[in-house]
Protein backbone atom coordinates (compact mmCIF):
# COMPACT_ATOMS: atom_id res chain seq x y z
CA ARG A 1 26.84 -8.27 -2.85
CA MET A 2 23.70 -7.42 -4.75
CA ARG A 3 21.30 -10.23 -5.63
CA SER A 4 20.45 -8.68 -8.97
CA ARG A 5 22.26 -5.86 -10.67
CA LEU A 6 19.37 -5.24 -13.13
CA ASN A 7 21.85 -4.63 -15.96
CA ALA A 8 23.55 -1.86 -13.99
CA ARG A 9 27.14 -1.23 -14.95
CA GLN A 10 27.85 1.32 -12.25
CA LEU A 11 26.74 1.97 -8.67
CA VAL A 12 26.95 5.21 -6.74
CA VAL A 13 26.82 4.38 -3.04
CA ILE A 14 26.67 7.03 -0.33
CA THR A 15 26.98 5.83 3.25
CA GLY A 16 26.66 7.78 6.46
CA SER A 17 27.21 6.49 9.99
CA SER A 18 23.54 6.78 11.05
CA LEU A 19 20.28 8.64 10.48
CA GLY A 20 20.95 12.31 11.11
CA ALA A 21 24.55 12.06 9.87
CA ARG A 22 25.66 15.14 7.94
CA HIS A 23 28.84 13.68 6.45
CA ALA A 24 29.26 10.50 4.45
CA THR A 25 31.41 8.69 1.93
CA LEU A 26 30.53 8.44 -1.75
CA ARG A 27 31.87 5.38 -3.54
CA ILE A 28 31.55 4.48 -7.19
CA TYR A 29 31.63 0.85 -8.25
CA GLU A 30 31.81 -0.61 -11.75
CA TYR A 31 30.73 -4.10 -12.71
CA LYS A 32 33.77 -5.85 -14.15
CA SER A 33 34.33 -9.55 -14.81
CA GLY A 34 31.33 -10.61 -12.74
CA ASP A 35 32.03 -8.49 -9.67
CA TRP A 36 31.70 -4.94 -8.38
CA VAL A 37 35.02 -3.07 -8.26
CA ARG A 38 35.36 0.22 -6.38
CA THR A 39 36.77 2.84 -8.77
CA TRP A 40 36.44 6.05 -6.77
CA GLN A 41 35.84 7.25 -3.22
CA VAL A 42 35.38 10.75 -1.82
CA PRO A 43 34.01 12.32 1.39
CA VAL A 44 30.71 14.22 0.93
CA ARG A 45 28.44 16.49 2.92
CA LEU A 46 24.76 15.70 3.21
CA GLY A 47 21.73 17.93 3.67
CA THR A 48 21.72 20.48 6.49
CA TYR A 49 19.75 18.16 8.79
CA GLY A 50 21.44 14.95 7.66
CA LEU A 51 20.15 11.54 6.67
CA ILE A 52 16.47 10.65 7.00
CA ASP A 53 14.41 7.60 6.06
CA GLY A 54 13.51 8.26 2.41
CA LEU A 55 9.93 7.08 2.98
CA LYS A 56 9.45 9.69 5.73
CA ARG A 57 11.15 12.63 4.02
CA ARG A 58 9.14 15.79 3.29
CA ALA A 59 9.80 18.60 0.83
CA GLY A 60 11.78 21.49 2.27
CA SER A 61 13.23 19.49 5.16
CA ARG A 62 16.85 20.01 4.00
CA THR A 63 17.56 16.34 4.63
CA THR A 64 19.16 13.60 2.57
CA PRO A 65 16.90 10.59 2.00
CA THR A 66 18.00 6.98 2.35
CA GLY A 67 17.06 4.47 -0.33
CA ILE A 68 17.99 2.84 -3.62
CA TRP A 69 17.04 4.47 -6.93
CA THR A 70 17.81 4.50 -10.60
CA MET A 71 19.66 7.74 -11.25
CA ALA A 72 19.09 10.14 -14.12
CA ARG A 73 20.60 9.15 -17.45
CA TYR A 74 22.12 12.59 -17.91
CA ALA A 75 24.33 15.00 -16.03
CA PHE A 76 23.90 18.76 -16.21
CA GLY A 77 25.70 21.97 -15.51
CA ARG A 78 26.50 25.49 -16.56
CA HIS A 79 29.34 24.63 -18.95
CA ALA A 80 28.83 24.41 -22.70
CA ARG A 81 30.71 21.12 -22.74
CA PRO A 82 30.69 18.28 -20.22
CA PRO A 83 33.73 17.34 -18.17
CA SER A 84 36.12 15.01 -19.95
CA GLY A 85 35.66 11.30 -19.37
CA ARG A 86 31.91 11.44 -18.79
CA THR A 87 29.68 8.82 -20.38
CA LEU A 88 26.28 10.28 -19.50
CA ARG A 89 24.46 12.65 -21.84
CA TRP A 90 25.06 16.31 -20.99
CA ARG A 91 22.46 19.05 -20.55
CA ARG A 92 23.62 22.63 -20.35
CA ILE A 93 21.71 24.90 -17.99
CA THR A 94 20.17 27.92 -19.72
CA GLN A 95 17.97 30.78 -18.53
CA ARG A 96 15.02 28.51 -19.47
CA SER A 97 16.11 25.57 -17.24
CA TRP A 98 13.98 24.70 -14.21
CA TRP A 99 13.65 21.75 -11.85
CA SER A 100 9.92 21.50 -11.30
CA SER A 101 8.19 21.16 -7.95
CA GLU A 102 4.79 21.74 -9.54
CA ARG A 103 1.97 19.37 -8.69
CA ASN A 104 1.54 17.99 -12.20
CA SER A 105 3.25 15.64 -14.65
CA THR A 106 6.45 17.74 -14.51
CA TYR A 107 6.94 17.16 -10.76
CA ASN A 108 10.61 16.48 -9.99
CA THR A 109 11.77 16.75 -13.60
CA TRP A 110 13.88 19.08 -15.73
CA VAL A 111 11.73 21.62 -17.57
CA GLU A 112 12.85 23.99 -20.34
CA THR A 113 10.44 26.91 -20.64
CA SER A 114 10.30 30.70 -20.76
CA ARG A 115 7.52 30.80 -18.14
CA HIS A 116 8.12 30.75 -14.38
CA VAL A 117 7.97 27.25 -12.90
CA TYR A 118 7.39 26.55 -9.21
CA GLY A 119 10.62 24.87 -8.25
CA GLU A 120 14.27 25.71 -8.76
CA HIS A 121 15.56 27.98 -11.51
CA LEU A 122 18.81 26.13 -12.17
CA ALA A 123 20.61 29.12 -13.68
CA ASP A 124 20.34 30.92 -10.32
CA TYR A 125 22.87 28.48 -8.81
CA PRO A 126 25.91 28.52 -11.12
CA ARG A 127 28.36 27.37 -8.43
CA SER A 128 26.22 24.55 -7.05
CA TYR A 129 25.23 23.25 -10.45
CA GLU A 130 28.54 23.65 -12.19
CA PHE A 131 28.30 19.84 -12.50
CA ALA A 132 25.31 17.91 -11.15
CA ILE A 133 23.12 14.83 -11.53
CA SER A 134 19.73 13.95 -10.10
CA SER A 135 20.00 11.24 -7.44
CA GLY A 136 16.78 9.69 -8.73
CA TYR A 137 15.05 10.12 -5.38
CA ASN A 138 11.30 10.55 -5.88
CA ALA A 139 11.88 10.96 -9.63
CA LEU A 140 11.00 8.89 -12.67
CA PRO A 141 11.63 6.09 -13.49
CA ASN A 142 11.34 5.55 -9.71
CA GLN A 143 8.12 6.13 -7.80
CA ARG A 144 7.11 9.77 -7.37
CA VAL A 145 5.10 10.99 -4.37
CA TYR A 146 4.18 14.67 -4.37
CA GLY A 147 5.40 16.34 -1.19
CA ARG A 148 8.37 14.04 -0.49
CA GLY A 149 10.68 16.49 -2.15
CA SER A 150 12.23 17.23 -5.49
CA GLY A 151 15.64 18.20 -6.78
CA ILE A 152 17.77 15.88 -4.67
CA PHE A 153 21.05 16.20 -6.54
CA LEU A 154 24.66 15.19 -6.30
CA HIS A 155 26.45 18.45 -7.00
CA VAL A 156 29.56 20.52 -6.45
CA ILE A 157 29.93 21.70 -2.87
CA HIS A 158 29.48 25.37 -2.05
CA PRO A 159 28.98 27.54 1.03
CA GLY A 160 25.40 27.32 2.28
CA TYR A 161 24.68 24.08 0.43
CA SER A 162 21.45 22.19 1.03
CA GLY A 163 21.78 19.33 -1.44
CA ALA A 164 21.55 15.59 -1.09
CA ALA A 165 25.21 14.87 -1.41
CA SER A 166 27.69 17.57 -2.22
CA CYS A 167 31.13 16.66 -3.45
């Protein structure tokens, strides 16, 4: 039970057995009639080196941070149209789509530009980012700390993955 749901209507909860775990369970809950009701559950793979305390995580560690965050208010992917049944806004990845790791106001945000951005060129990963959403880790509106890592996504699983939670 959560003390305050802060107007949340949905929770995405990923639980692993312990720090270092590389596999977990993703559960989605919806707030209905004054209580949280589980609506979906699926096994997921975590970062290459498993779960780590989110306050100790460092960029490039290929780990999945622990913590509680407000997630992005949009999903993204390579398709022109979003999957059916979605309620989040949809952003289509283009050749101008980047996830910034630059040490400036764009850190850990989506950037559309024709110039090269230090970070991840989203169009280079069509299988991983067929459908994705930012976990909210180290991203606005949550606290951002340069060097803790950027681009921690929930995304489609693929060989050689390195994401936060791949499903």
